[in-house]
Amino acid sequence: MKVKDVMNKDVITCKPDDTVGYLSTLFKENHISGMPVVENGKVVGVVSETDLLKLFKVPEFSGELWLPSPLEVVEVPLRSLVRFEEFKKSIEEAKLKPVRSIMKKTVHSISPEDSLEEASARMVRYKVNRLPVIENGKLVGIVARSDIIRGLSSAE
């Protein structure tokens, strides 16, 4: 079975100058977790929810546990509130950034004529969840892990 047999031809894409806020809307509205970034008809990068999440400054848990004093019982919720406000601010700032600032510029792609086994091997080798399908330099589809699994299970 070939990539062209299972790929999605209706590819949702974004542009490098689109905002991260717009990108998150595309993810949500289309129920997807990643997409190619296209400029002048060429795939110039890929972006995923993971790239998006890396923008947010989430306070890390130190791993230390303590028994708070009476004063700390009041102080800890206040400190948490300040951290939450910082987190909210980082989200608002992130929404305005361009996609180009978070996209991966290395694009691992595949041909529609390649086998599902080859697509699977590339996903594992490059640790990616989807591959843009390129033919003659043009984006013609996208193949995700679920497409490959569906294709392999229907071939049995």
Protein backbone atom coordinates (compact mmCIF):
# COMPACT_ATOMS: atom_id res chain seq x y z
CA MET A 1 0.00 0.00 0.00
CA LYS A 2 1.27 3.48 -0.85
CA VAL A 3 1.14 6.83 0.90
CA LYS A 4 -1.25 8.17 -1.77
CA ASP A 5 -3.79 5.52 -0.72
CA VAL A 6 -4.16 6.86 2.83
CA MET A 7 -2.98 10.49 2.76
CA ASN A 8 -5.29 13.42 3.42
CA LYS A 9 -5.44 15.63 0.32
CA ASP A 10 -7.21 18.51 2.07
CA VAL A 11 -4.20 19.88 3.94
CA ILE A 12 -4.68 22.65 6.49
CA THR A 13 -1.67 24.98 6.29
CA CYS A 14 -0.52 28.25 7.75
CA LYS A 15 1.95 30.95 6.68
CA PRO A 16 5.16 31.96 8.47
CA ASP A 17 3.72 35.42 9.22
CA ASP A 18 0.45 34.12 10.69
CA THR A 19 0.21 34.73 14.42
CA VAL A 20 0.44 31.99 17.01
CA GLY A 21 -3.06 33.03 18.11
CA TYR A 22 -4.40 32.30 14.62
CA LEU A 23 -2.45 29.03 14.57
CA SER A 24 -4.04 27.87 17.82
CA THR A 25 -7.47 28.66 16.32
CA LEU A 26 -6.64 26.51 13.27
CA PHE A 27 -5.60 23.62 15.53
CA LYS A 28 -8.80 23.89 17.57
CA GLU A 29 -11.28 24.38 14.72
CA ASN A 30 -9.82 21.61 12.57
CA HIS A 31 -9.13 19.11 15.39
CA ILE A 32 -5.48 18.74 14.35
CA SER A 33 -2.21 18.93 16.24
CA GLY A 34 0.23 20.01 13.54
CA MET A 35 0.52 21.35 10.01
CA PRO A 36 2.91 22.42 7.26
CA VAL A 37 3.93 26.07 7.03
CA VAL A 38 3.67 27.23 3.41
CA GLU A 39 5.11 30.32 1.74
CA ASN A 40 4.78 31.05 -1.98
CA GLY A 41 3.50 27.53 -2.58
CA LYS A 42 6.47 25.83 -0.90
CA VAL A 43 6.61 24.03 2.43
CA VAL A 44 9.11 26.04 4.49
CA GLY A 45 8.49 24.44 7.88
CA VAL A 46 6.20 22.45 10.11
CA VAL A 47 4.55 23.42 13.37
CA SER A 48 2.83 21.41 16.08
CA GLU A 49 1.00 21.87 19.36
CA THR A 50 4.24 20.93 21.11
CA ASP A 51 6.01 23.89 19.46
CA LEU A 52 3.16 26.08 20.64
CA LEU A 53 3.31 24.83 24.23
CA LYS A 54 7.04 25.56 24.45
CA LEU A 55 6.18 29.28 24.31
CA PHE A 56 4.30 29.31 27.59
CA LYS A 57 6.23 29.99 30.75
CA VAL A 58 4.84 27.37 33.11
CA PRO A 59 6.22 27.54 36.65
CA GLU A 60 8.12 24.36 37.46
CA PHE A 61 7.49 22.34 40.58
CA SER A 62 10.69 22.11 42.62
CA GLY A 63 9.82 18.68 43.94
CA GLU A 64 10.29 19.81 47.52
CA LEU A 65 7.47 19.43 50.00
CA TRP A 66 7.19 21.44 53.20
CA LEU A 67 4.85 22.00 56.10
CA PRO A 68 3.86 25.68 55.86
CA SER A 69 3.90 28.03 58.81
CA PRO A 70 0.74 30.10 59.52
CA LEU A 71 2.24 33.03 57.59
CA GLU A 72 3.05 30.82 54.60
CA VAL A 73 -0.55 29.60 54.52
CA VAL A 74 -1.45 33.14 53.42
CA GLU A 75 1.70 33.73 51.34
CA VAL A 76 1.54 30.57 49.19
CA PRO A 77 -1.86 31.36 47.56
CA LEU A 78 -0.65 34.93 46.89
CA ARG A 79 2.55 33.62 45.29
CA SER A 80 0.48 31.22 43.17
CA LEU A 81 -1.76 34.08 42.05
CA VAL A 82 1.29 36.08 40.90
CA ARG A 83 2.60 33.06 38.96
CA PHE A 84 -0.82 32.59 37.34
CA GLU A 85 -0.88 36.27 36.28
CA GLU A 86 2.62 35.85 34.78
CA PHE A 87 1.41 32.75 32.94
CA LYS A 88 -1.65 34.61 31.58
CA LYS A 89 0.63 37.43 30.41
CA SER A 90 2.96 34.97 28.65
CA ILE A 91 -0.05 33.50 26.81
CA GLU A 92 -1.19 36.93 25.60
CA GLU A 93 2.35 37.78 24.44
CA ALA A 94 2.72 34.41 22.70
CA LYS A 95 -0.49 34.90 20.68
CA LEU A 96 1.10 37.86 18.88
CA LYS A 97 4.29 36.06 17.82
CA PRO A 98 4.66 34.92 14.21
CA VAL A 99 4.53 31.21 13.41
CA ARG A 100 8.04 31.49 11.93
CA SER A 101 9.36 32.06 15.46
CA ILE A 102 8.24 28.59 16.62
CA MET A 103 8.13 26.44 13.46
CA LYS A 104 10.69 23.75 12.71
CA LYS A 105 12.51 24.69 9.53
CA THR A 106 13.68 21.16 8.81
CA VAL A 107 10.89 19.46 6.88
CA HIS A 108 10.81 15.68 6.68
CA SER A 109 8.51 14.78 3.80
CA ILE A 110 7.51 11.80 1.72
CA SER A 111 6.35 11.05 -1.83
CA PRO A 112 2.83 9.79 -2.62
CA GLU A 113 4.46 6.78 -4.31
CA ASP A 114 6.39 5.72 -1.19
CA SER A 115 5.16 2.76 0.84
CA LEU A 116 3.41 3.01 4.19
CA GLU A 117 6.34 1.09 5.66
CA GLU A 118 8.71 3.84 4.48
CA ALA A 119 6.43 6.55 5.88
CA SER A 120 6.29 4.72 9.20
CA ALA A 121 10.08 4.31 9.28
CA ARG A 122 10.60 8.04 8.63
CA MET A 123 8.18 9.03 11.37
CA VAL A 124 10.03 6.83 13.84
CA ARG A 125 13.49 7.93 12.62
CA TYR A 126 12.69 11.66 12.74
CA LYS A 127 10.34 11.46 15.76
CA VAL A 128 7.47 13.19 13.96
CA ASN A 129 3.73 12.48 13.97
CA ARG A 130 2.97 13.50 10.40
CA LEU A 131 4.75 13.95 7.06
CA PRO A 132 3.90 16.43 4.32
CA VAL A 133 3.44 14.58 1.03
CA ILE A 134 5.40 16.35 -1.71
CA GLU A 135 5.27 15.67 -5.45
CA ASN A 136 7.33 17.70 -7.93
CA GLY A 137 8.04 20.27 -5.22
CA LYS A 138 4.33 20.76 -4.50
CA LEU A 139 2.38 19.89 -1.34
CA VAL A 140 -0.23 17.31 -2.39
CA GLY A 141 -1.23 15.87 0.97
CA ILE A 142 -0.30 14.98 4.51
CA VAL A 143 0.00 11.57 6.14
CA ALA A 144 -0.33 11.10 9.89
CA ARG A 145 0.38 8.12 12.13
CA SER A 146 -3.34 7.34 12.32
CA ASP A 147 -3.55 7.25 8.49
CA ILE A 148 -0.76 4.68 8.35
CA ILE A 149 -2.29 2.53 11.09
CA ARG A 150 -5.68 2.68 9.36
CA GLY A 151 -4.07 1.73 6.03
CA LEU A 152 -2.08 -1.15 7.46
CA SER A 153 -5.08 -2.55 9.34
CA SER A 154 -7.34 -2.38 6.26
CA ALA A 155 -4.69 -4.18 4.18
CA GLU A 156 -5.00 -7.31 6.34
